[in-house]
């Protein structure tokens, strides 16, 4: 019974070895030209000049959440489009409801000015 798992073990060992070889080769042969810009801390588009616990604008998080929501929406649209013939009108209406709810939320945020930058 354990012989059934041998190919998986071999695959994992070879994968780990290949990964380790490439990682070691990158550290060994990679260029090392540090300068002030490469060594400076960089976070969220601006230099770190104060305490690391400074406040961020809420709109930054709103845009990030919108990106995640619409990125997941696209992930749901591909399988839906492939299986549209099999799921029929019920599947079409369910996806229309799903998209409608997302569009209503997007329009709400747009009207509230959450996407306006100063």
PDB file of N, CA and C in Angstrom:
ATOM      1  N   UNK A   1       0.809  -1.185   0.000  1.00  0.00           N
ATOM      2  CA  UNK A   1       0.000   0.000   0.000  1.00  0.00           C
ATOM      3  C   UNK A   1       0.861   1.261   0.000  1.00  0.00           C
ATOM      4  N   UNK A   2       1.960   1.254   0.734  1.00  0.00           N
ATOM      5  CA  UNK A   2       2.824   2.426   0.762  1.00  0.00           C
ATOM      6  C   UNK A   2       3.522   2.665  -0.564  1.00  0.00           C
ATOM      7  N   UNK A   3       3.650   1.625  -1.391  1.00  0.00           N
ATOM      8  CA  UNK A   3       4.291   1.805  -2.692  1.00  0.00           C
ATOM      9  C   UNK A   3       3.460   2.697  -3.617  1.00  0.00           C
ATOM     10  N   UNK A   4       2.176   2.877  -3.309  1.00  0.00           N
ATOM     11  CA  UNK A   4       1.351   3.794  -4.092  1.00  0.00           C
ATOM     12  C   UNK A   4       1.747   5.246  -3.841  1.00  0.00           C
ATOM     13  N   UNK A   5       2.330   5.536  -2.695  1.00  0.00           N
ATOM     14  CA  UNK A   5       2.732   6.896  -2.353  1.00  0.00           C
ATOM     15  C   UNK A   5       4.159   7.218  -2.774  1.00  0.00           C
ATOM     16  N   UNK A   6       4.889   6.219  -3.255  1.00  0.00           N
ATOM     17  CA  UNK A   6       6.276   6.447  -3.654  1.00  0.00           C
ATOM     18  C   UNK A   6       6.397   7.480  -4.771  1.00  0.00           C
ATOM     19  N   UNK A   7       5.592   7.459  -5.827  1.00  0.00           N
ATOM     20  CA  UNK A   7       5.727   8.507  -6.857  1.00  0.00           C
ATOM     21  C   UNK A   7       5.482   9.911  -6.310  1.00  0.00           C
ATOM     22  N   UNK A   8       4.572  10.041  -5.369  1.00  0.00           N
ATOM     23  CA  UNK A   8       4.320  11.359  -4.774  1.00  0.00           C
ATOM     24  C   UNK A   8       5.535  11.810  -3.969  1.00  0.00           C
ATOM     25  N   UNK A   9       6.111  10.908  -3.209  1.00  0.00           N
ATOM     26  CA  UNK A   9       7.307  11.231  -2.431  1.00  0.00           C
ATOM     27  C   UNK A   9       8.464  11.616  -3.348  1.00  0.00           C
ATOM     28  N   UNK A  10       8.652  10.870  -4.422  1.00  0.00           N
ATOM     29  CA  UNK A  10       9.725  11.178  -5.374  1.00  0.00           C
ATOM     30  C   UNK A  10       9.480  12.558  -5.995  1.00  0.00           C
ATOM     31  N   UNK A  11       8.248  12.849  -6.354  1.00  0.00           N
ATOM     32  CA  UNK A  11       7.902  14.146  -6.934  1.00  0.00           C
ATOM     33  C   UNK A  11       8.191  15.283  -5.961  1.00  0.00           C
ATOM     34  N   UNK A  12       7.831  15.106  -4.687  1.00  0.00           N
ATOM     35  CA  UNK A  12       8.085  16.131  -3.693  1.00  0.00           C
ATOM     36  C   UNK A  12       9.581  16.339  -3.449  1.00  0.00           C
ATOM     37  N   UNK A  13      10.336  15.258  -3.398  1.00  0.00           N
ATOM     38  CA  UNK A  13      11.781  15.369  -3.173  1.00  0.00           C
ATOM     39  C   UNK A  13      12.453  16.054  -4.355  1.00  0.00           C
ATOM     40  N   UNK A  14      12.101  15.665  -5.569  1.00  0.00           N
ATOM     41  CA  UNK A  14      12.697  16.296  -6.744  1.00  0.00           C
ATOM     42  C   UNK A  14      12.307  17.770  -6.815  1.00  0.00           C
ATOM     43  N   UNK A  15      11.069  18.084  -6.513  1.00  0.00           N
ATOM     44  CA  UNK A  15      10.633  19.482  -6.512  1.00  0.00           C
ATOM     45  C   UNK A  15      11.382  20.304  -5.478  1.00  0.00           C
ATOM     46  N   UNK A  16      11.572  19.758  -4.288  1.00  0.00           N
ATOM     47  CA  UNK A  16      12.316  20.475  -3.256  1.00  0.00           C
ATOM     48  C   UNK A  16      13.778  20.656  -3.658  1.00  0.00           C
ATOM     49  N   UNK A  17      14.373  19.647  -4.267  1.00  0.00           N
ATOM     50  CA  UNK A  17      15.763  19.765  -4.708  1.00  0.00           C
ATOM     51  C   UNK A  17      15.923  20.806  -5.812  1.00  0.00           C
ATOM     52  N   UNK A  18      15.020  20.795  -6.783  1.00  0.00           N
ATOM     53  CA  UNK A  18      15.100  21.783  -7.864  1.00  0.00           C
ATOM     54  C   UNK A  18      14.924  23.194  -7.303  1.00  0.00           C
ATOM     55  N   UNK A  19      13.967  23.361  -6.393  1.00  0.00           N
ATOM     56  CA  UNK A  19      13.774  24.667  -5.776  1.00  0.00           C
ATOM     57  C   UNK A  19      15.001  25.115  -4.994  1.00  0.00           C
ATOM     58  N   UNK A  20      15.592  24.208  -4.248  1.00  0.00           N
ATOM     59  CA  UNK A  20      16.785  24.546  -3.462  1.00  0.00           C
ATOM     60  C   UNK A  20      17.961  24.889  -4.376  1.00  0.00           C
ATOM     61  N   UNK A  21      18.123  24.155  -5.467  1.00  0.00           N
ATOM     62  CA  UNK A  21      19.221  24.435  -6.397  1.00  0.00           C
ATOM     63  C   UNK A  21      19.062  25.826  -7.000  1.00  0.00           C
ATOM     64  N   UNK A  22      17.853  26.187  -7.440  1.00  0.00           N
ATOM     65  CA  UNK A  22      17.638  27.513  -8.028  1.00  0.00           C
ATOM     66  C   UNK A  22      17.818  28.614  -6.987  1.00  0.00           C
ATOM     67  N   UNK A  23      17.390  28.381  -5.767  1.00  0.00           N
ATOM     68  CA  UNK A  23      17.546  29.375  -4.707  1.00  0.00           C
ATOM     69  C   UNK A  23      19.021  29.597  -4.379  1.00  0.00           C
ATOM     70  N   UNK A  24      19.765  28.525  -4.260  1.00  0.00           N
ATOM     71  CA  UNK A  24      21.198  28.635  -3.969  1.00  0.00           C
ATOM     72  C   UNK A  24      21.932  29.278  -5.146  1.00  0.00           C
ATOM     73  N   UNK A  25      21.557  28.920  -6.372  1.00  0.00           N
ATOM     74  CA  UNK A  25      22.188  29.530  -7.550  1.00  0.00           C
ATOM     75  C   UNK A  25      21.899  31.025  -7.611  1.00  0.00           C
ATOM     76  N   UNK A  26      20.694  31.431  -7.241  1.00  0.00           N
ATOM     77  CA  UNK A  26      20.361  32.853  -7.248  1.00  0.00           C
ATOM     78  C   UNK A  26      21.182  33.629  -6.231  1.00  0.00           C
ATOM     79  N   UNK A  27      21.338  33.072  -5.041  1.00  0.00           N
ATOM     80  CA  UNK A  27      22.148  33.753  -4.034  1.00  0.00           C
ATOM     81  C   UNK A  27      23.630  33.729  -4.396  1.00  0.00           C
ATOM     82  N   UNK A  28      24.078  32.666  -5.048  1.00  0.00           N
ATOM     83  CA  UNK A  28      25.494  32.538  -5.368  1.00  0.00           C
ATOM     84  C   UNK A  28      25.893  33.422  -6.543  1.00  0.00           C
ATOM     85  N   UNK A  29      25.115  33.401  -7.624  1.00  0.00           N
ATOM     86  CA  UNK A  29      25.508  34.085  -8.850  1.00  0.00           C
ATOM     87  C   UNK A  29      24.773  35.400  -9.090  1.00  0.00           C
ATOM     88  N   UNK A  30      23.848  35.748  -8.211  1.00  0.00           N
ATOM     89  CA  UNK A  30      23.070  36.976  -8.392  1.00  0.00           C
ATOM     90  C   UNK A  30      23.901  38.222  -8.147  1.00  0.00           C
ATOM     91  N   UNK A  31      23.547  39.327  -8.822  1.00  0.00           N
ATOM     92  CA  UNK A  31      24.316  40.559  -8.637  1.00  0.00           C
ATOM     93  C   UNK A  31      24.049  41.163  -7.263  1.00  0.00           C
ATOM     94  N   UNK A  32      25.095  41.725  -6.691  1.00  0.00           N
ATOM     95  CA  UNK A  32      24.972  42.397  -5.399  1.00  0.00           C
ATOM     96  C   UNK A  32      25.478  43.830  -5.578  1.00  0.00           C
ATOM     97  N   UNK A  33      24.541  44.708  -5.918  1.00  0.00           N
ATOM     98  CA  UNK A  33      24.870  46.116  -6.080  1.00  0.00           C
ATOM     99  C   UNK A  33      23.931  46.968  -5.227  1.00  0.00           C
ATOM    100  N   UNK A  34      24.066  46.910  -3.906  1.00  0.00           N
ATOM    101  CA  UNK A  34      23.149  47.695  -3.078  1.00  0.00           C
ATOM    102  C   UNK A  34      23.471  49.186  -3.170  1.00  0.00           C
ATOM    103  N   UNK A  35      22.423  49.998  -3.168  1.00  0.00           N
ATOM    104  CA  UNK A  35      22.590  51.445  -3.081  1.00  0.00           C
ATOM    105  C   UNK A  35      21.526  51.976  -2.113  1.00  0.00           C
ATOM    106  N   UNK A  36      21.485  53.266  -1.948  1.00  0.00           N
ATOM    107  CA  UNK A  36      20.584  53.858  -0.942  1.00  0.00           C
ATOM    108  C   UNK A  36      19.121  53.591  -1.270  1.00  0.00           C
ATOM    109  N   UNK A  37      18.747  53.630  -2.546  1.00  0.00           N
ATOM    110  CA  UNK A  37      17.346  53.408  -2.903  1.00  0.00           C
ATOM    111  C   UNK A  37      16.924  51.960  -2.691  1.00  0.00           C
ATOM    112  N   UNK A  38      17.791  51.023  -3.022  1.00  0.00           N
ATOM    113  CA  UNK A  38      17.430  49.618  -2.852  1.00  0.00           C
ATOM    114  C   UNK A  38      17.352  49.221  -1.381  1.00  0.00           C
ATOM    115  N   UNK A  39      18.125  49.864  -0.537  1.00  0.00           N
ATOM    116  CA  UNK A  39      18.146  49.519   0.870  1.00  0.00           C
ATOM    117  C   UNK A  39      17.135  50.300   1.697  1.00  0.00           C
ATOM    118  N   UNK A  40      16.483  51.286   1.097  1.00  0.00           N
ATOM    119  CA  UNK A  40      15.523  52.094   1.852  1.00  0.00           C
ATOM    120  C   UNK A  40      14.204  51.346   2.020  1.00  0.00           C
ATOM    121  N   UNK A  41      13.555  51.520   3.166  1.00  0.00           N
ATOM    122  CA  UNK A  41      12.250  50.881   3.364  1.00  0.00           C
ATOM    123  C   UNK A  41      11.199  51.562   2.503  1.00  0.00           C
ATOM    124  N   UNK A  42      10.333  50.777   1.918  1.00  0.00           N
ATOM    125  CA  UNK A  42       9.310  51.299   1.024  1.00  0.00           C
ATOM    126  C   UNK A  42       7.992  50.645   1.403  1.00  0.00           C
ATOM    127  N   UNK A  43       6.961  51.467   1.620  1.00  0.00           N
ATOM    128  CA  UNK A  43       5.684  50.905   2.021  1.00  0.00           C
ATOM    129  C   UNK A  43       4.555  51.771   1.487  1.00  0.00           C
ATOM    130  N   UNK A  44       3.686  51.189   0.719  1.00  0.00           N
ATOM    131  CA  UNK A  44       2.444  51.827   0.281  1.00  0.00           C
ATOM    132  C   UNK A  44       2.654  53.130  -0.477  1.00  0.00           C
ATOM    133  N   UNK A  45       3.714  53.254  -1.237  1.00  0.00           N
ATOM    134  CA  UNK A  45       3.861  54.391  -2.116  1.00  0.00           C
ATOM    135  C   UNK A  45       4.536  55.603  -1.532  1.00  0.00           C
ATOM    136  N   UNK A  46       4.976  55.583  -0.305  1.00  0.00           N
ATOM    137  CA  UNK A  46       5.671  56.735   0.247  1.00  0.00           C
ATOM    138  C   UNK A  46       6.746  56.280   1.222  1.00  0.00           C
ATOM    139  N   UNK A  47       7.702  57.162   1.434  1.00  0.00           N
ATOM    140  CA  UNK A  47       8.809  56.852   2.330  1.00  0.00           C
ATOM    141  C   UNK A  47       8.318  56.745   3.775  1.00  0.00           C
ATOM    142  N   UNK A  48       8.924  55.865   4.519  1.00  0.00           N
ATOM    143  CA  UNK A  48       8.596  55.759   5.935  1.00  0.00           C
ATOM    144  C   UNK A  48       9.341  56.871   6.669  1.00  0.00           C
ATOM    145  N   UNK A  49       8.597  57.831   7.172  1.00  0.00           N
ATOM    146  CA  UNK A  49       9.240  58.971   7.815  1.00  0.00           C
ATOM    147  C   UNK A  49       8.774  59.176   9.247  1.00  0.00           C
ATOM    148  N   UNK A  50       7.788  58.429   9.684  1.00  0.00           N
ATOM    149  CA  UNK A  50       7.287  58.566  11.045  1.00  0.00           C
ATOM    150  C   UNK A  50       7.165  57.185  11.665  1.00  0.00           C
ATOM    151  N   UNK A  51       6.345  57.124  12.687  1.00  0.00           N
ATOM    152  CA  UNK A  51       6.093  55.875  13.380  1.00  0.00           C
ATOM    153  C   UNK A  51       5.424  54.880  12.429  1.00  0.00           C
ATOM    154  N   UNK A  52       5.716  53.629  12.586  1.00  0.00           N
ATOM    155  CA  UNK A  52       5.142  52.612  11.705  1.00  0.00           C
ATOM    156  C   UNK A  52       3.656  52.391  11.968  1.00  0.00           C
ATOM    157  N   UNK A  53       3.128  52.954  13.052  1.00  0.00           N
ATOM    158  CA  UNK A  53       1.714  52.781  13.367  1.00  0.00           C
ATOM    159  C   UNK A  53       0.887  53.988  12.952  1.00  0.00           C
ATOM    160  N   UNK A  54       1.333  54.714  11.939  1.00  0.00           N
ATOM    161  CA  UNK A  54       0.595  55.895  11.496  1.00  0.00           C
ATOM    162  C   UNK A  54      -0.699  55.481  10.801  1.00  0.00           C
ATOM    163  N   UNK A  55      -1.644  56.376  10.763  1.00  0.00           N
ATOM    164  CA  UNK A  55      -2.967  56.092  10.203  1.00  0.00           C
ATOM    165  C   UNK A  55      -2.922  56.137   8.682  1.00  0.00           C
ATOM    166  N   UNK A  56      -3.671  55.228   8.070  1.00  0.00           N
ATOM    167  CA  UNK A  56      -3.841  55.221   6.622  1.00  0.00           C
ATOM    168  C   UNK A  56      -5.236  55.719   6.293  1.00  0.00           C
ATOM    169  N   UNK A  57      -5.363  56.262   5.122  1.00  0.00           N
ATOM    170  CA  UNK A  57      -6.673  56.713   4.666  1.00  0.00           C
ATOM    171  C   UNK A  57      -7.551  55.494   4.396  1.00  0.00           C
ATOM    172  N   UNK A  58      -8.806  55.584   4.768  1.00  0.00           N
ATOM    173  CA  UNK A  58      -9.733  54.461   4.604  1.00  0.00           C
ATOM    174  C   UNK A  58      -9.940  54.141   3.131  1.00  0.00           C
ATOM    175  N   UNK A  59      -9.825  55.138   2.275  1.00  0.00           N
ATOM    176  CA  UNK A  59     -10.046  54.899   0.837  1.00  0.00           C
ATOM    177  C   UNK A  59      -9.040  53.923   0.262  1.00  0.00           C
ATOM    178  N   UNK A  60      -7.848  53.873   0.833  1.00  0.00           N
ATOM    179  CA  UNK A  60      -6.860  52.896   0.394  1.00  0.00           C
ATOM    180  C   UNK A  60      -7.416  51.480   0.561  1.00  0.00           C
ATOM    181  N   UNK A  61      -8.026  51.216   1.700  1.00  0.00           N
ATOM    182  CA  UNK A  61      -8.591  49.897   1.967  1.00  0.00           C
ATOM    183  C   UNK A  61      -9.831  49.648   1.123  1.00  0.00           C
ATOM    184  N   UNK A  62     -10.628  50.673   0.884  1.00  0.00           N
ATOM    185  CA  UNK A  62     -11.825  50.504   0.049  1.00  0.00           C
ATOM    186  C   UNK A  62     -11.451  50.104  -1.370  1.00  0.00           C
ATOM    187  N   UNK A  63     -10.428  50.743  -1.915  1.00  0.00           N
ATOM    188  CA  UNK A  63      -9.994  50.386  -3.269  1.00  0.00           C
ATOM    189  C   UNK A  63      -9.442  48.967  -3.284  1.00  0.00           C
ATOM    190  N   UNK A  64      -8.716  48.582  -2.242  1.00  0.00           N
ATOM    191  CA  UNK A  64      -8.185  47.212  -2.176  1.00  0.00           C
ATOM    192  C   UNK A  64      -9.322  46.194  -2.091  1.00  0.00           C
ATOM    193  N   UNK A  65     -10.337  46.487  -1.291  1.00  0.00           N
ATOM    194  CA  UNK A  65     -11.476  45.579  -1.173  1.00  0.00           C
ATOM    195  C   UNK A  65     -12.244  45.497  -2.485  1.00  0.00           C
ATOM    196  N   UNK A  66     -12.414  46.637  -3.157  1.00  0.00           N
ATOM    197  CA  UNK A  66     -13.088  46.621  -4.460  1.00  0.00           C
ATOM    198  C   UNK A  66     -12.319  45.768  -5.455  1.00  0.00           C
ATOM    199  N   UNK A  67     -11.000  45.886  -5.444  1.00  0.00           N
ATOM    200  CA  UNK A  67     -10.203  45.072  -6.354  1.00  0.00           C
ATOM    201  C   UNK A  67     -10.407  43.588  -6.072  1.00  0.00           C
ATOM    202  N   UNK A  68     -10.390  43.213  -4.810  1.00  0.00           N
ATOM    203  CA  UNK A  68     -10.563  41.800  -4.460  1.00  0.00           C
ATOM    204  C   UNK A  68     -11.952  41.315  -4.867  1.00  0.00           C
ATOM    205  N   UNK A  69     -12.975  42.133  -4.623  1.00  0.00           N
ATOM    206  CA  UNK A  69     -14.336  41.729  -4.975  1.00  0.00           C
ATOM    207  C   UNK A  69     -14.474  41.508  -6.473  1.00  0.00           C
ATOM    208  N   UNK A  70     -13.997  42.451  -7.269  1.00  0.00           N
ATOM    209  CA  UNK A  70     -14.161  42.311  -8.713  1.00  0.00           C
ATOM    210  C   UNK A  70     -13.205  41.288  -9.300  1.00  0.00           C
ATOM    211  N   UNK A  71     -12.104  41.034  -8.641  1.00  0.00           N
ATOM    212  CA  UNK A  71     -11.224  39.963  -9.075  1.00  0.00           C
ATOM    213  C   UNK A  71     -11.903  38.608  -8.845  1.00  0.00           C
ATOM    214  N   UNK A  72     -12.567  38.450  -7.706  1.00  0.00           N
ATOM    215  CA  UNK A  72     -13.300  37.208  -7.449  1.00  0.00           C
ATOM    216  C   UNK A  72     -14.502  37.071  -8.371  1.00  0.00           C
ATOM    217  N   UNK A  73     -15.102  38.198  -8.722  1.00  0.00           N
ATOM    218  CA  UNK A  73     -16.226  38.149  -9.658  1.00  0.00           C
ATOM    219  C   UNK A  73     -15.788  37.543 -10.989  1.00  0.00           C
ATOM    220  N   UNK A  74     -14.633  37.945 -11.466  1.00  0.00           N
ATOM    221  CA  UNK A  74     -14.122  37.387 -12.721  1.00  0.00           C
ATOM    222  C   UNK A  74     -13.838  35.895 -12.557  1.00  0.00           C
ATOM    223  N   UNK A  75     -13.358  35.493 -11.396  1.00  0.00           N
ATOM    224  CA  UNK A  75     -13.099  34.072 -11.152  1.00  0.00           C
ATOM    225  C   UNK A  75     -14.390  33.261 -11.192  1.00  0.00           C
ATOM    226  N   UNK A  76     -15.527  33.865 -10.810  1.00  0.00           N
ATOM    227  CA  UNK A  76     -16.815  33.173 -10.894  1.00  0.00           C
ATOM    228  C   UNK A  76     -17.383  33.217 -12.312  1.00  0.00           C
ATOM    229  N   UNK A  77     -17.038  34.221 -13.086  1.00  0.00           N
ATOM    230  CA  UNK A  77     -17.613  34.355 -14.429  1.00  0.00           C
ATOM    231  C   UNK A  77     -17.082  33.322 -15.416  1.00  0.00           C
ATOM    232  N   UNK A  78     -15.827  32.935 -15.309  1.00  0.00           N
ATOM    233  CA  UNK A  78     -15.274  31.987 -16.265  1.00  0.00           C
ATOM    234  C   UNK A  78     -15.960  30.619 -16.211  1.00  0.00           C
ATOM    235  N   UNK A  79     -16.070  29.978 -15.049  1.00  0.00           N
ATOM    236  CA  UNK A  79     -16.761  28.681 -15.045  1.00  0.00           C
ATOM    237  C   UNK A  79     -18.237  28.807 -15.399  1.00  0.00           C
ATOM    238  N   UNK A  80     -18.837  29.931 -15.014  1.00  0.00           N
ATOM    239  CA  UNK A  80     -20.243  30.162 -15.360  1.00  0.00           C
ATOM    240  C   UNK A  80     -20.408  30.240 -16.873  1.00  0.00           C
ATOM    241  N   UNK A  81     -19.518  30.946 -17.554  1.00  0.00           N
ATOM    242  CA  UNK A  81     -19.613  31.078 -19.009  1.00  0.00           C
ATOM    243  C   UNK A  81     -19.386  29.737 -19.697  1.00  0.00           C
ATOM    244  N   UNK A  82     -18.529  28.916 -19.159  1.00  0.00           N
ATOM    245  CA  UNK A  82     -18.254  27.611 -19.772  1.00  0.00           C
ATOM    246  C   UNK A  82     -19.454  26.682 -19.616  1.00  0.00           C
ATOM    247  N   UNK A  83     -20.121  26.735 -18.460  1.00  0.00           N
ATOM    248  CA  UNK A  83     -21.222  25.812 -18.175  1.00  0.00           C
ATOM    249  C   UNK A  83     -22.593  26.429 -18.417  1.00  0.00           C
ATOM    250  N   UNK A  84     -22.666  27.518 -19.157  1.00  0.00           N
ATOM    251  CA  UNK A  84     -23.936  28.222 -19.323  1.00  0.00           C
ATOM    252  C   UNK A  84     -24.991  27.361 -20.012  1.00  0.00           C
ATOM    253  N   UNK A  85     -24.601  26.559 -20.986  1.00  0.00           N
ATOM    254  CA  UNK A  85     -25.588  25.717 -21.687  1.00  0.00           C
ATOM    255  C   UNK A  85     -26.189  24.661 -20.761  1.00  0.00           C
ATOM    256  N   UNK A  86     -25.369  24.124 -19.854  1.00  0.00           N
ATOM    257  CA  UNK A  86     -25.859  23.072 -18.961  1.00  0.00           C
ATOM    258  C   UNK A  86     -26.731  23.621 -17.836  1.00  0.00           C
ATOM    259  N   UNK A  87     -26.438  24.810 -17.334  1.00  0.00           N
ATOM    260  CA  UNK A  87     -27.195  25.322 -16.191  1.00  0.00           C
ATOM    261  C   UNK A  87     -28.459  26.061 -16.602  1.00  0.00           C
ATOM    262  N   UNK A  88     -28.551  26.449 -17.849  1.00  0.00           N
ATOM    263  CA  UNK A  88     -29.791  27.006 -18.374  1.00  0.00           C
ATOM    264  C   UNK A  88     -30.157  28.372 -17.830  1.00  0.00           C
ATOM    265  N   UNK A  89     -31.466  28.645 -17.870  1.00  0.00           N
ATOM    266  CA  UNK A  89     -31.968  29.963 -17.492  1.00  0.00           C
ATOM    267  C   UNK A  89     -31.801  30.237 -15.997  1.00  0.00           C
ATOM    268  N   UNK A  90     -31.920  29.198 -15.165  1.00  0.00           N
ATOM    269  CA  UNK A  90     -31.730  29.400 -13.726  1.00  0.00           C
ATOM    270  C   UNK A  90     -30.325  29.907 -13.425  1.00  0.00           C
ATOM    271  N   UNK A  91     -29.327  29.316 -14.050  1.00  0.00           N
ATOM    272  CA  UNK A  91     -27.945  29.753 -13.857  1.00  0.00           C
ATOM    273  C   UNK A  91     -27.721  31.157 -14.376  1.00  0.00           C
ATOM    274  N   UNK A  92     -28.357  31.482 -15.491  1.00  0.00           N
ATOM    275  CA  UNK A  92     -28.238  32.827 -16.044  1.00  0.00           C
ATOM    276  C   UNK A  92     -28.829  33.862 -15.093  1.00  0.00           C
ATOM    277  N   UNK A  93     -30.004  33.563 -14.543  1.00  0.00           N
ATOM    278  CA  UNK A  93     -30.652  34.510 -13.634  1.00  0.00           C
ATOM    279  C   UNK A  93     -29.894  34.622 -12.303  1.00  0.00           C
ATOM    280  N   UNK A  94     -29.343  33.523 -11.841  1.00  0.00           N
ATOM    281  CA  UNK A  94     -28.551  33.578 -10.610  1.00  0.00           C
ATOM    282  C   UNK A  94     -27.317  34.451 -10.793  1.00  0.00           C
ATOM    283  N   UNK A  95     -26.649  34.321 -11.937  1.00  0.00           N
ATOM    284  CA  UNK A  95     -25.469  35.157 -12.186  1.00  0.00           C
ATOM    285  C   UNK A  95     -25.872  36.604 -12.417  1.00  0.00           C
ATOM    286  N   UNK A  96     -27.021  36.833 -13.038  1.00  0.00           N
ATOM    287  CA  UNK A  96     -27.501  38.206 -13.219  1.00  0.00           C
ATOM    288  C   UNK A  96     -27.782  38.844 -11.855  1.00  0.00           C
ATOM    289  N   UNK A  97     -28.361  38.098 -10.932  1.00  0.00           N
ATOM    290  CA  UNK A  97     -28.593  38.611  -9.585  1.00  0.00           C
ATOM    291  C   UNK A  97     -27.272  38.910  -8.880  1.00  0.00           C
ATOM    292  N   UNK A  98     -26.331  38.006  -8.991  1.00  0.00           N
ATOM    293  CA  UNK A  98     -25.006  38.193  -8.398  1.00  0.00           C
ATOM    294  C   UNK A  98     -24.332  39.446  -8.938  1.00  0.00           C
ATOM    295  N   UNK A  99     -24.322  39.609 -10.248  1.00  0.00           N
ATOM    296  CA  UNK A  99     -23.711  40.786 -10.858  1.00  0.00           C
ATOM    297  C   UNK A  99     -24.475  42.054 -10.500  1.00  0.00           C
ATOM    298  N   UNK A 100     -25.781  41.962 -10.413  1.00  0.00           N
ATOM    299  CA  UNK A 100     -26.583  43.121 -10.043  1.00  0.00           C
ATOM    300  C   UNK A 100     -26.251  43.618  -8.642  1.00  0.00           C
ATOM    301  N   UNK A 101     -26.103  42.692  -7.707  1.00  0.00           N
ATOM    302  CA  UNK A 101     -25.743  43.069  -6.339  1.00  0.00           C
ATOM    303  C   UNK A 101     -24.367  43.735  -6.316  1.00  0.00           C
ATOM    304  N   UNK A 102     -23.417  43.196  -7.075  1.00  0.00           N
ATOM    305  CA  UNK A 102     -22.094  43.812  -7.129  1.00  0.00           C
ATOM    306  C   UNK A 102     -22.137  45.200  -7.758  1.00  0.00           C
ATOM    307  N   UNK A 103     -22.912  45.358  -8.806  1.00  0.00           N
ATOM    308  CA  UNK A 103     -23.011  46.662  -9.468  1.00  0.00           C
ATOM    309  C   UNK A 103     -23.669  47.678  -8.538  1.00  0.00           C
ATOM    310  N   UNK A 104     -24.692  47.272  -7.801  1.00  0.00           N
ATOM    311  CA  UNK A 104     -25.345  48.184  -6.860  1.00  0.00           C
ATOM    312  C   UNK A 104     -24.350  48.645  -5.789  1.00  0.00           C
ATOM    313  N   UNK A 105     -23.556  47.735  -5.266  1.00  0.00           N
ATOM    314  CA  UNK A 105     -22.544  48.105  -4.276  1.00  0.00           C
ATOM    315  C   UNK A 105     -21.488  49.025  -4.855  1.00  0.00           C
ATOM    316  N   UNK A 106     -21.082  48.760  -6.095  1.00  0.00           N
ATOM    317  CA  UNK A 106     -20.084  49.609  -6.744  1.00  0.00           C
ATOM    318  C   UNK A 106     -20.628  51.013  -6.980  1.00  0.00           C
ATOM    319  N   UNK A 107     -21.865  51.117  -7.450  1.00  0.00           N
ATOM    320  CA  UNK A 107     -22.485  52.426  -7.684  1.00  0.00           C
ATOM    321  C   UNK A 107     -22.645  53.174  -6.367  1.00  0.00           C
ATOM    322  N   UNK A 108     -22.995  52.474  -5.303  1.00  0.00           N
ATOM    323  CA  UNK A 108     -23.131  53.103  -3.991  1.00  0.00           C
ATOM    324  C   UNK A 108     -21.804  53.717  -3.545  1.00  0.00           C
ATOM    325  N   UNK A 109     -20.716  52.945  -3.673  1.00  0.00           N
ATOM    326  CA  UNK A 109     -19.410  53.478  -3.281  1.00  0.00           C
ATOM    327  C   UNK A 109     -18.993  54.632  -4.179  1.00  0.00           C
ATOM    328  N   UNK A 110     -19.318  54.541  -5.439  1.00  0.00           N
ATOM    329  CA  UNK A 110     -18.977  55.607  -6.379  1.00  0.00           C
ATOM    330  C   UNK A 110     -19.712  56.892  -6.005  1.00  0.00           C
ATOM    331  N   UNK A 111     -21.010  56.788  -5.729  1.00  0.00           N
ATOM    332  CA  UNK A 111     -21.816  57.968  -5.379  1.00  0.00           C
ATOM    333  C   UNK A 111     -21.393  58.566  -4.041  1.00  0.00           C
ATOM    334  N   UNK A 112     -20.946  57.742  -3.107  1.00  0.00           N
ATOM    335  CA  UNK A 112     -20.482  58.245  -1.816  1.00  0.00           C
ATOM    336  C   UNK A 112     -19.134  58.925  -1.907  1.00  0.00           C
ATOM    337  N   UNK A 113     -18.441  58.789  -3.051  1.00  0.00           N
ATOM    338  CA  UNK A 113     -17.137  59.432  -3.238  1.00  0.00           C
ATOM    339  C   UNK A 113     -15.987  58.634  -2.686  1.00  0.00           C
ATOM    340  N   UNK A 114     -16.163  57.350  -2.485  1.00  0.00           N
ATOM    341  CA  UNK A 114     -15.085  56.527  -1.934  1.00  0.00           C
ATOM    342  C   UNK A 114     -13.938  56.346  -2.922  1.00  0.00           C
ATOM    343  N   UNK A 115     -14.186  56.577  -4.198  1.00  0.00           N
ATOM    344  CA  UNK A 115     -13.152  56.387  -5.206  1.00  0.00           C
ATOM    345  C   UNK A 115     -12.495  57.700  -5.624  1.00  0.00           C
ATOM    346  N   UNK A 116     -12.872  58.796  -5.013  1.00  0.00           N
ATOM    347  CA  UNK A 116     -12.301  60.103  -5.352  1.00  0.00           C
ATOM    348  C   UNK A 116     -11.031  60.328  -4.554  1.00  0.00           C
ATOM    349  N   UNK A 117      -9.958  60.645  -5.247  1.00  0.00           N
ATOM    350  CA  UNK A 117      -8.689  60.932  -4.586  1.00  0.00           C
ATOM    351  C   UNK A 117      -8.451  62.425  -4.601  1.00  0.00           C
ATOM    352  N   UNK A 118      -7.821  62.927  -3.562  1.00  0.00           N
ATOM    353  CA  UNK A 118      -7.539  64.360  -3.469  1.00  0.00           C
ATOM    354  C   UNK A 118      -6.149  64.672  -3.954  1.00  0.00           C
TER     355      UNK A 118
END
